[in-house]
Amino acid sequence: MNVRHLTFRLLQVYVAVVRSGSVSEAARQLHLTQPTVSQQLRRLAEAVGEPLLQSGHGRLNTTEAGRELYRASRGVLSRFDDFEDYLEALRGGKRGRFSIALVNTAQYVLPRLLGPYSHAFPDVDVTLHVGNRRQMLTRFERQDDDLYVFSHPPSLAHALAGRFLRNPLVVVAPQGHPLAQRERIGMSELLEERFLLREPGSATRMMFESWLQEHGLSLGPTLQMASNEAIRVGVAAGMGLAVLSEHVLPPEHPDIAILPVADFPIESHWQFIVRRDRRLPHAALGFLSFAAGHLDECVETRFVANELELMLGRLEVVAET
């Protein structure tokens, strides 16, 4: 048998003839002419080198070689039917994989989306990479991931951002702090207090320092700490005050008080970031679509829908080109 002469079309024609038992019926099903079907059967028999069909009782029946070819043909075609189903699921974002890189603070937010998403799309593999802002910017520059989550996106021409959630920054103090019972506090009253800060380059620290500069203020003593969790524990233990994302605080935080500081909270937003020069996997696009439709359910009414939907529209244009 000369396998090089076999084609999927020949196998499809042969399977249709065997199933229907008739050249004319197979031609009707395949929208071909009878001479075309007969010609395809001759080519197939020549490629195999054995007779495949014989007439009997008013229909075409398979020879012994023909029966084996039919089984093999069905096996091949069914595998490609499965592959077609796989492609349909892949293109619909129901299968596949993608990776997300997020700054440390976002780990308090994203699980509220990823949990429902994983239940809805169990065949999609999602890889998470968590680190500080500097590490995530390095990953962005190396194009290591498909999606990125920042509260202060990189100002780069090839970065496309879509806001999806408010990220209010609040001043926190240990419970029982003398000013915790006040209705309103000026930041100038807190400048001699020690503030616990993240490393330089942290988005929260950048925004707080920018706010201080805009108001002509500067901090007194500070203590740098490696993580939001360490700062939260440090504040609860009375080590100092801090400015933290409200999302870092658990729903019940009896050891920590949010101080009513004037002009606070500082408003920022969590944003999905993608590279304009990187084609997103179907699964990643599917996740963003899921986010656009489900964030209201996951995080009450803090979803900035229009920006994320606009971002998706731009990505779809890129995917089509």
Protein backbone atom coordinates (compact mmCIF):
# COMPACT_ATOMS: atom_id res chain seq x y z
CA MET A 1 0.00 0.00 0.00
CA ASN A 2 1.30 3.44 -0.94
CA VAL A 3 0.32 5.49 2.12
CA ARG A 4 1.44 8.71 0.46
CA HIS A 5 -1.53 8.46 -1.90
CA LEU A 6 -4.07 8.33 0.93
CA THR A 7 -5.84 11.57 1.87
CA PHE A 8 -8.43 12.47 4.47
CA ARG A 9 -10.91 13.21 1.69
CA LEU A 10 -10.48 9.71 0.24
CA LEU A 11 -11.10 8.20 3.68
CA GLN A 12 -14.16 10.40 4.25
CA VAL A 13 -15.63 9.34 0.89
CA TYR A 14 -14.93 5.68 1.61
CA VAL A 15 -16.54 5.80 5.06
CA ALA A 16 -19.63 7.51 3.62
CA VAL A 17 -19.97 4.81 0.89
CA VAL A 18 -19.58 1.95 3.37
CA ARG A 19 -22.12 3.47 5.76
CA SER A 20 -24.72 4.16 3.07
CA GLY A 21 -23.95 1.12 0.90
CA SER A 22 -24.45 3.29 -2.17
CA VAL A 23 -22.32 5.57 -4.32
CA SER A 24 -25.30 7.80 -5.12
CA GLU A 25 -26.32 8.21 -1.49
CA ALA A 26 -22.72 8.95 -0.44
CA ALA A 27 -22.49 11.54 -3.25
CA ARG A 28 -25.70 13.19 -1.99
CA GLN A 29 -24.43 13.32 1.62
CA LEU A 30 -21.05 14.74 0.59
CA HIS A 31 -22.49 17.15 -2.00
CA LEU A 32 -20.41 15.52 -4.75
CA THR A 33 -21.30 14.01 -8.11
CA GLN A 34 -21.52 10.24 -8.50
CA PRO A 35 -18.62 10.15 -11.01
CA THR A 36 -16.43 12.01 -8.50
CA VAL A 37 -17.23 9.51 -5.75
CA SER A 38 -16.57 6.56 -8.09
CA GLN A 39 -13.25 8.10 -9.11
CA GLN A 40 -12.25 8.55 -5.46
CA LEU A 41 -13.07 4.89 -4.73
CA ARG A 42 -10.88 3.77 -7.66
CA ARG A 43 -7.98 5.90 -6.44
CA LEU A 44 -8.35 4.46 -2.95
CA ALA A 45 -8.40 0.84 -4.20
CA GLU A 46 -5.30 1.51 -6.32
CA ALA A 47 -3.48 3.01 -3.34
CA VAL A 48 -4.34 0.02 -1.13
CA GLY A 49 -3.71 -2.55 -3.87
CA GLU A 50 -6.70 -4.70 -2.87
CA PRO A 51 -10.41 -4.72 -3.79
CA LEU A 52 -12.36 -2.91 -1.08
CA LEU A 53 -16.03 -3.17 -2.08
CA GLN A 54 -18.28 -5.71 -3.75
CA SER A 55 -21.93 -5.63 -4.80
CA GLY A 56 -24.49 -7.82 -3.13
CA HIS A 57 -28.18 -7.66 -2.23
CA GLY A 58 -28.59 -4.29 -3.87
CA ARG A 59 -25.85 -2.50 -1.92
CA LEU A 60 -22.09 -2.22 -1.72
CA ASN A 61 -20.43 -4.38 0.94
CA THR A 62 -16.84 -4.40 2.16
CA THR A 63 -14.33 -7.11 1.34
CA GLU A 64 -12.11 -8.42 4.13
CA ALA A 65 -9.48 -5.80 3.31
CA GLY A 66 -12.24 -3.24 2.98
CA ARG A 67 -13.52 -3.97 6.50
CA GLU A 68 -10.05 -3.39 7.99
CA LEU A 69 -9.64 -0.18 6.01
CA TYR A 70 -13.05 0.99 7.26
CA ARG A 71 -12.01 0.40 10.89
CA ALA A 72 -8.71 2.20 10.35
CA SER A 73 -10.46 5.08 8.57
CA ARG A 74 -12.99 5.49 11.36
CA GLY A 75 -10.17 5.50 13.91
CA VAL A 76 -8.26 8.21 12.05
CA LEU A 77 -11.31 10.36 11.35
CA SER A 78 -12.67 10.06 14.88
CA ARG A 79 -9.32 11.20 16.28
CA PHE A 80 -9.54 14.28 14.12
CA ASP A 81 -13.16 14.80 15.17
CA ASP A 82 -11.85 14.81 18.74
CA PHE A 83 -9.14 17.26 17.69
CA GLU A 84 -11.75 19.52 16.10
CA ASP A 85 -13.74 19.46 19.36
CA TYR A 86 -10.53 20.28 21.24
CA LEU A 87 -9.83 23.24 18.94
CA GLU A 88 -13.36 24.52 19.39
CA ALA A 89 -12.95 24.38 23.18
CA LEU A 90 -9.49 25.92 22.95
CA ARG A 91 -10.69 28.82 20.81
CA GLY A 92 -13.61 29.33 23.15
CA GLY A 93 -11.26 29.62 26.12
CA LYS A 94 -12.54 26.38 27.69
CA ARG A 95 -9.21 24.56 27.44
CA GLY A 96 -5.54 25.47 27.35
CA ARG A 97 -3.26 27.31 29.72
CA PHE A 98 -2.01 30.78 30.58
CA SER A 99 0.10 32.45 33.25
CA ILE A 100 -0.52 35.49 35.44
CA ALA A 101 2.17 37.50 37.21
CA LEU A 102 0.94 39.66 40.07
CA VAL A 103 2.44 41.95 42.65
CA ASN A 104 2.28 40.74 46.25
CA THR A 105 -0.74 42.76 47.33
CA ALA A 106 -2.86 41.39 44.46
CA GLN A 107 -2.76 37.92 46.01
CA TYR A 108 -5.40 39.18 48.42
CA VAL A 109 -7.70 40.04 45.48
CA LEU A 110 -7.23 37.68 42.54
CA PRO A 111 -8.33 34.43 44.26
CA ARG A 112 -11.84 35.89 44.44
CA LEU A 113 -11.84 35.71 40.64
CA LEU A 114 -9.74 32.60 40.11
CA GLY A 115 -11.83 30.45 42.44
CA PRO A 116 -15.09 30.79 40.47
CA TYR A 117 -13.18 30.74 37.18
CA SER A 118 -11.46 27.42 38.02
CA HIS A 119 -14.82 25.87 38.88
CA ALA A 120 -16.32 27.10 35.59
CA PHE A 121 -13.32 26.07 33.45
CA PRO A 122 -11.63 23.06 35.10
CA ASP A 123 -9.72 22.14 31.91
CA VAL A 124 -7.76 25.41 31.83
CA ASP A 125 -4.39 25.38 33.62
CA VAL A 126 -3.49 28.69 35.29
CA THR A 127 0.03 29.39 36.59
CA LEU A 128 0.56 32.20 39.10
CA HIS A 129 3.81 34.06 39.77
CA VAL A 130 3.83 36.40 42.79
CA GLY A 131 6.56 38.88 43.66
CA ASN A 132 7.37 42.52 44.33
CA ARG A 133 6.90 45.24 41.73
CA ARG A 134 10.51 45.15 40.54
CA GLN A 135 10.35 41.39 39.96
CA MET A 136 7.04 41.68 38.09
CA LEU A 137 8.39 44.48 35.88
CA THR A 138 11.34 42.25 35.00
CA ARG A 139 8.95 39.44 34.06
CA PHE A 140 6.96 41.92 31.97
CA GLU A 141 10.06 43.06 30.08
CA ARG A 142 11.08 39.42 29.43
CA GLN A 143 7.54 38.56 28.29
CA ASP A 144 7.47 35.67 30.75
CA ASP A 145 3.70 35.73 31.27
CA ASP A 146 0.41 36.36 29.49
CA LEU A 147 -1.33 38.63 32.02
CA TYR A 148 0.03 40.95 34.70
CA VAL A 149 -1.69 42.56 37.66
CA PHE A 150 -0.45 45.92 38.99
CA SER A 151 -2.04 48.73 40.95
CA HIS A 152 0.39 51.17 39.34
CA PRO A 153 0.92 49.95 35.74
CA PRO A 154 4.22 50.40 33.92
CA SER A 155 4.33 53.51 31.73
CA LEU A 156 5.44 51.70 28.59
CA ALA A 157 4.25 52.09 25.01
CA HIS A 158 3.67 48.35 24.64
CA ALA A 159 1.58 48.05 27.85
CA LEU A 160 -2.22 47.90 27.56
CA ALA A 161 -4.11 48.32 30.84
CA GLY A 162 -7.67 47.73 31.99
CA ARG A 163 -8.85 48.70 35.48
CA PHE A 164 -11.00 46.11 37.21
CA LEU A 165 -11.19 46.92 40.93
CA ARG A 166 -10.81 49.84 43.33
CA ASN A 167 -7.73 49.63 45.56
CA PRO A 168 -8.17 52.21 48.36
CA LEU A 169 -5.07 52.91 50.47
CA VAL A 170 -5.82 53.61 54.13
CA VAL A 171 -3.81 54.64 57.20
CA VAL A 172 -3.82 51.92 59.83
CA ALA A 173 -2.81 51.93 63.49
CA PRO A 174 -2.90 49.44 66.33
CA GLN A 175 -6.30 49.12 67.95
CA GLY A 176 -6.44 51.42 70.94
CA HIS A 177 -4.30 54.12 69.33
CA PRO A 178 -5.13 57.50 70.99
CA LEU A 179 -6.31 59.02 67.68
CA ALA A 180 -8.44 56.03 66.63
CA GLN A 181 -11.57 57.50 68.24
CA ARG A 182 -11.28 60.86 66.49
CA GLU A 183 -13.71 61.66 63.67
CA ARG A 184 -11.05 63.39 61.57
CA ILE A 185 -7.26 63.54 61.72
CA GLY A 186 -4.81 65.63 59.75
CA MET A 187 -1.77 63.77 58.40
CA SER A 188 0.44 66.45 59.97
CA GLU A 189 -0.58 65.06 63.39
CA LEU A 190 0.96 61.69 62.47
CA LEU A 191 4.29 62.75 61.00
CA GLU A 192 6.25 62.11 64.21
CA GLU A 193 4.86 58.59 64.42
CA ARG A 194 6.99 55.77 63.01
CA PHE A 195 5.65 54.46 59.70
CA LEU A 196 6.24 50.92 58.47
CA LEU A 197 6.97 50.93 54.73
CA ARG A 198 7.55 48.45 51.94
CA GLU A 199 10.74 48.54 49.86
CA PRO A 200 11.42 51.49 47.48
CA GLY A 201 9.59 50.90 44.20
CA SER A 202 6.56 49.32 45.87
CA ALA A 203 3.42 50.79 44.29
CA THR A 204 1.81 51.51 47.68
CA ARG A 205 4.94 53.28 48.89
CA MET A 206 5.26 55.21 45.62
CA MET A 207 1.68 56.45 45.84
CA PHE A 208 2.00 57.38 49.54
CA GLU A 209 5.26 59.27 48.97
CA SER A 210 3.72 61.04 45.98
CA TRP A 211 0.73 62.03 48.12
CA LEU A 212 3.05 63.39 50.84
CA GLN A 213 5.02 65.39 48.27
CA GLU A 214 1.84 66.88 46.80
CA HIS A 215 0.80 68.01 50.29
CA GLY A 216 4.27 69.33 51.18
CA LEU A 217 4.77 66.79 53.96
CA SER A 218 7.57 64.44 54.94
CA LEU A 219 7.69 61.51 57.33
CA GLY A 220 9.67 61.20 60.52
CA PRO A 221 11.06 57.81 61.54
CA THR A 222 10.35 54.84 59.26
CA LEU A 223 10.99 51.12 59.26
CA GLN A 224 11.21 49.12 56.05
CA MET A 225 9.59 45.69 56.01
CA ALA A 226 9.56 42.95 53.39
CA SER A 227 5.85 42.25 52.95
CA ASN A 228 2.35 43.57 53.53
CA GLU A 229 1.70 40.73 55.94
CA ALA A 230 4.76 41.66 58.01
CA ILE A 231 3.59 45.29 58.09
CA ARG A 232 0.08 44.27 59.13
CA VAL A 233 1.42 42.12 61.96
CA GLY A 234 3.86 44.91 62.94
CA VAL A 235 1.08 47.50 63.15
CA ALA A 236 -1.06 45.14 65.25
CA ALA A 237 1.92 44.65 67.59
CA GLY A 238 2.32 48.40 68.08
CA MET A 239 5.49 48.87 66.02
CA GLY A 240 4.08 51.87 64.17
CA LEU A 241 1.53 53.10 61.63
CA ALA A 242 1.27 52.18 57.96
CA VAL A 243 -0.50 52.90 54.71
CA LEU A 244 -1.91 49.68 53.31
CA SER A 245 -4.35 48.56 50.66
CA GLU A 246 -7.71 47.98 52.28
CA HIS A 247 -7.69 44.55 50.62
CA VAL A 248 -4.76 43.48 52.81
CA LEU A 249 -6.94 43.74 55.91
CA PRO A 250 -9.11 40.73 56.77
CA PRO A 251 -12.89 41.30 57.07
CA GLU A 252 -12.50 41.29 60.85
CA HIS A 253 -9.36 43.03 62.15
CA PRO A 254 -9.76 43.55 65.91
CA ASP A 255 -6.04 44.34 66.36
CA ILE A 256 -5.96 47.13 63.75
CA ALA A 257 -7.87 50.39 63.38
CA ILE A 258 -8.31 52.43 60.19
CA LEU A 259 -7.60 56.05 61.07
CA PRO A 260 -9.96 58.73 59.64
CA VAL A 261 -7.17 60.79 58.05
CA ALA A 262 -8.21 63.76 55.91
CA ASP A 263 -7.96 63.20 52.14
CA PHE A 264 -7.76 59.44 52.67
CA PRO A 265 -8.18 56.86 51.35
CA ILE A 266 -5.81 57.40 48.44
CA GLU A 267 -7.67 56.07 45.44
CA SER A 268 -6.03 53.61 43.07
CA HIS A 269 -7.20 50.63 41.03
CA TRP A 270 -6.09 47.11 40.35
CA GLN A 271 -5.40 46.71 36.65
CA PHE A 272 -4.87 43.85 34.26
CA ILE A 273 -1.88 44.57 32.02
CA VAL A 274 -1.01 42.87 28.74
CA ARG A 275 1.67 43.51 26.17
CA ARG A 276 0.46 44.98 22.88
CA ASP A 277 3.17 43.03 21.06
CA ARG A 278 2.19 39.63 22.49
CA ARG A 279 -0.66 37.50 21.17
CA LEU A 280 -2.72 36.21 24.08
CA PRO A 281 -3.74 32.54 24.34
CA HIS A 282 -7.46 31.91 23.89
CA ALA A 283 -7.65 30.82 27.53
CA ALA A 284 -6.25 34.17 28.74
CA LEU A 285 -8.79 36.08 26.64
CA GLY A 286 -11.48 33.80 28.04
CA PHE A 287 -10.38 34.62 31.59
CA LEU A 288 -10.58 38.37 30.92
CA SER A 289 -14.06 37.90 29.45
CA PHE A 290 -15.03 35.90 32.54
CA ALA A 291 -13.69 38.70 34.74
CA ALA A 292 -15.70 41.28 32.83
CA GLY A 293 -18.88 39.30 33.44
CA HIS A 294 -18.34 38.11 37.00
CA LEU A 295 -16.41 40.70 38.97
CA ASP A 296 -19.58 42.38 40.18
CA GLU A 297 -20.61 39.09 41.75
CA CYS A 298 -17.17 38.47 43.31
CA VAL A 299 -16.38 41.92 44.70
CA GLU A 300 -19.69 43.71 45.10
CA THR A 301 -19.93 46.89 43.00
CA ARG A 302 -16.30 47.94 42.73
CA PHE A 303 -15.80 46.68 39.16
CA VAL A 304 -14.73 49.20 36.53
CA ALA A 305 -16.49 47.44 33.65
CA ASN A 306 -16.03 49.84 30.77
CA GLU A 307 -12.23 49.92 30.85
CA LEU A 308 -11.81 46.14 30.92
CA GLU A 309 -14.34 45.67 28.13
CA LEU A 310 -12.55 48.32 26.06
CA MET A 311 -9.28 46.50 26.68
CA LEU A 312 -10.86 43.23 25.49
CA GLY A 313 -12.09 44.92 22.34
CA ARG A 314 -8.57 46.10 21.52
CA LEU A 315 -7.14 42.62 22.19
CA GLU A 316 -9.71 41.01 19.88
CA VAL A 317 -8.63 43.36 17.10
CA VAL A 318 -5.00 42.33 17.67
CA ALA A 319 -5.95 38.64 17.66
CA GLU A 320 -7.66 39.00 14.27
CA THR A 321 -4.69 40.69 12.59
